[in-house]
């Protein structure tokens, strides 16, 4: 069971994770605004010899691989091993909260890069439609990988060595 100081630390850490998530999600919409406002000035005229379709397909494949990698890394980083190494650790800021924040930032950064691929394709002369597809996939993935209070509480309790307390008991 977590003591009140630990609960307060978790709440502050969770708020920081929400701010990071919101900023990264907002940056996707900033990419769209930039493309609409300055798109004609910064966009390259498409060269018929440049294989934009091939680049697009490669980036779609990389995006799919990044989504799988983000899922795997997040689940791996949030797993508390039962071999005793992690379960004996006492809860403090550098363990559970840092581990959770690292997992969130890594998974969100991988999602953010998908939006950047759409921006790069647009700047290379691709259409708005593909920009929207990449940004949309990135935004959906960021919502899927958003910070969740329950995950952080479960990780903190598991690393504390206690039984997992229901999330509503945190308040």
Protein backbone atom coordinates (compact mmCIF):
# COMPACT_ATOMS: atom_id res chain seq x y z
CA UNK A 1 0.00 0.00 0.00
CA UNK A 2 1.25 3.49 -0.80
CA UNK A 3 1.64 6.19 1.84
CA UNK A 4 0.26 9.72 1.26
CA UNK A 5 3.67 11.16 0.27
CA UNK A 6 4.03 8.49 -2.40
CA UNK A 7 0.51 9.19 -3.66
CA UNK A 8 1.35 12.90 -3.93
CA UNK A 9 4.54 12.12 -5.84
CA UNK A 10 2.58 9.88 -8.20
CA UNK A 11 -0.02 12.59 -8.81
CA UNK A 12 2.65 15.21 -9.59
CA UNK A 13 4.47 12.80 -11.87
CA UNK A 14 1.26 11.86 -13.62
CA UNK A 15 0.44 15.53 -14.20
CA UNK A 16 3.89 16.03 -15.76
CA UNK A 17 3.27 13.05 -18.05
CA UNK A 18 -0.07 14.54 -19.11
CA UNK A 19 1.61 17.86 -19.93
CA UNK A 20 4.26 16.09 -22.03
CA UNK A 21 1.58 14.09 -23.82
CA UNK A 22 -0.52 17.19 -24.52
CA UNK A 23 2.47 19.11 -25.87
CA UNK A 24 3.47 16.27 -28.17
CA UNK A 25 -0.09 15.82 -29.39
CA UNK A 26 -0.42 19.56 -30.00
CA UNK A 27 2.76 19.55 -32.07
CA UNK A 28 1.05 17.27 -34.60
CA UNK A 29 -1.61 19.91 -35.15
CA UNK A 30 1.06 22.57 -35.39
CA UNK A 31 2.57 20.62 -38.32
CA UNK A 32 -0.76 20.83 -40.13
CA UNK A 33 -1.07 24.55 -39.44
CA UNK A 34 2.46 25.17 -40.71
CA UNK A 35 1.72 23.24 -43.90
CA UNK A 36 -1.45 25.20 -44.54
CA UNK A 37 -0.01 28.62 -43.71
CA UNK A 38 3.44 28.32 -45.28
CA UNK A 39 3.05 25.18 -47.35
CA UNK A 40 3.37 26.87 -50.72
CA UNK A 41 6.54 28.67 -49.62
CA UNK A 42 8.36 25.73 -48.06
CA UNK A 43 7.05 22.88 -50.17
CA UNK A 44 9.29 21.50 -52.86
CA UNK A 45 7.91 21.27 -56.41
CA UNK A 46 7.48 17.56 -57.14
CA UNK A 47 10.11 16.19 -59.48
CA UNK A 48 8.59 13.53 -61.76
CA UNK A 49 11.80 11.49 -61.53
CA UNK A 50 11.79 11.42 -57.71
CA UNK A 51 10.21 8.16 -56.43
CA UNK A 52 7.84 9.77 -53.93
CA UNK A 53 5.52 6.74 -54.00
CA UNK A 54 8.41 4.47 -53.06
CA UNK A 55 9.48 6.78 -50.23
CA UNK A 56 5.87 6.95 -49.01
CA UNK A 57 5.58 3.15 -48.96
CA UNK A 58 8.86 2.80 -47.11
CA UNK A 59 7.72 5.33 -44.52
CA UNK A 60 4.39 3.51 -44.11
CA UNK A 61 6.35 0.32 -43.39
CA UNK A 62 8.66 2.08 -40.95
CA UNK A 63 5.61 3.60 -39.25
CA UNK A 64 4.01 0.19 -38.78
CA UNK A 65 7.26 -1.16 -37.35
CA UNK A 66 7.52 1.82 -34.98
CA UNK A 67 4.00 1.23 -33.67
CA UNK A 68 4.88 -2.38 -32.87
CA UNK A 69 8.16 -1.28 -31.30
CA UNK A 70 6.41 1.36 -29.17
CA UNK A 71 3.92 -1.23 -27.91
CA UNK A 72 6.65 -3.77 -27.13
CA UNK A 73 8.97 -1.27 -25.45
CA UNK A 74 6.24 0.23 -23.31
CA UNK A 75 5.02 -3.15 -22.12
CA UNK A 76 8.57 -4.33 -21.45
CA UNK A 77 9.52 -1.18 -19.53
CA UNK A 78 6.39 -1.31 -17.37
CA UNK A 79 6.75 -4.97 -16.46
CA UNK A 80 7.96 -5.70 -12.95
CA UNK A 81 10.02 -8.87 -12.97
CA UNK A 82 9.20 -11.55 -10.45
CA UNK A 83 12.82 -12.63 -9.97
CA UNK A 84 13.03 -10.41 -6.92
CA UNK A 85 15.33 -7.77 -8.39
CA UNK A 86 12.64 -5.15 -8.93
CA UNK A 87 10.13 -6.31 -6.36
CA UNK A 88 12.53 -5.59 -3.49
CA UNK A 89 13.02 -1.97 -4.47
CA UNK A 90 11.42 0.60 -2.24
CA UNK A 91 9.24 3.19 -3.99
CA UNK A 92 10.96 6.44 -4.68
CA UNK A 93 10.90 8.98 -7.46
CA UNK A 94 13.83 7.58 -9.48
CA UNK A 95 12.33 4.11 -9.78
CA UNK A 96 8.63 3.80 -10.53
CA UNK A 97 7.93 7.34 -11.66
CA UNK A 98 11.06 7.66 -13.78
CA UNK A 99 10.50 4.27 -15.30
CA UNK A 100 6.92 5.18 -16.18
CA UNK A 101 7.89 8.60 -17.56
CA UNK A 102 10.62 7.02 -19.69
CA UNK A 103 8.19 4.46 -21.09
CA UNK A 104 5.64 7.17 -21.91
CA UNK A 105 8.16 9.50 -23.56
CA UNK A 106 9.74 6.74 -25.65
CA UNK A 107 6.40 5.45 -26.91
CA UNK A 108 5.13 8.97 -27.63
CA UNK A 109 8.36 9.92 -29.42
CA UNK A 110 8.01 6.92 -31.71
CA UNK A 111 4.43 7.98 -32.46
CA UNK A 112 5.51 11.60 -33.01
CA UNK A 113 8.03 10.50 -35.62
CA UNK A 114 5.19 9.08 -37.71
CA UNK A 115 3.70 12.57 -37.92
CA UNK A 116 7.11 13.91 -38.88
CA UNK A 117 7.23 11.44 -41.77
CA UNK A 118 4.04 12.98 -43.11
CA UNK A 119 5.54 16.45 -42.78
CA UNK A 120 8.71 15.38 -44.60
CA UNK A 121 6.70 13.78 -47.40
CA UNK A 122 4.65 16.94 -47.74
CA UNK A 123 7.78 19.05 -47.94
CA UNK A 124 9.12 16.72 -50.62
CA UNK A 125 6.06 17.49 -52.71
CA UNK A 126 3.52 14.88 -51.63
CA UNK A 127 -0.17 15.72 -51.20
CA UNK A 128 -2.09 16.96 -48.17
CA UNK A 129 -3.98 13.67 -48.01
CA UNK A 130 -0.85 11.74 -47.09
CA UNK A 131 0.13 14.39 -44.56
CA UNK A 132 -3.28 13.90 -42.90
CA UNK A 133 -2.91 10.10 -42.96
CA UNK A 134 0.45 10.15 -41.20
CA UNK A 135 -0.65 12.82 -38.72
CA UNK A 136 -3.90 10.92 -38.06
CA UNK A 137 -2.11 7.63 -37.42
CA UNK A 138 0.34 9.41 -35.11
CA UNK A 139 -2.49 11.11 -33.20
CA UNK A 140 -4.45 7.88 -32.78
CA UNK A 141 -1.33 6.08 -31.57
CA UNK A 142 -0.59 8.90 -29.12
CA UNK A 143 -4.09 8.61 -27.70
CA UNK A 144 -3.60 4.84 -27.37
CA UNK A 145 -0.23 5.29 -25.61
CA UNK A 146 -1.40 8.23 -23.46
CA UNK A 147 -0.38 8.31 -19.80
CA UNK A 148 -2.79 6.35 -17.62
CA UNK A 149 -2.95 6.91 -13.87
CA UNK A 150 -3.87 3.27 -13.26
CA UNK A 151 -0.70 2.05 -15.00
CA UNK A 152 1.48 4.34 -12.91
CA UNK A 153 -0.23 3.31 -9.66
CA UNK A 154 0.06 -0.37 -10.51
CA UNK A 155 3.75 0.01 -11.35
CA UNK A 156 4.45 1.95 -8.15
CA UNK A 157 2.62 -0.56 -5.98
CA UNK A 158 4.25 -3.52 -7.70
CA UNK A 159 7.70 -1.98 -7.27
CA UNK A 160 6.84 -1.12 -3.67
CA UNK A 161 6.25 -4.80 -3.06
CA UNK A 162 2.66 -4.47 -1.96
CA UNK A 163 -0.61 -5.52 -3.37
CA UNK A 164 -2.12 -3.43 -6.10
CA UNK A 165 -4.63 -0.98 -4.72
CA UNK A 166 -7.64 -0.06 -6.88
CA UNK A 167 -7.05 3.24 -8.74
CA UNK A 168 -10.03 4.96 -7.09
CA UNK A 169 -8.30 4.51 -3.71
CA UNK A 170 -5.49 6.80 -4.86
CA UNK A 171 -7.48 9.98 -4.23
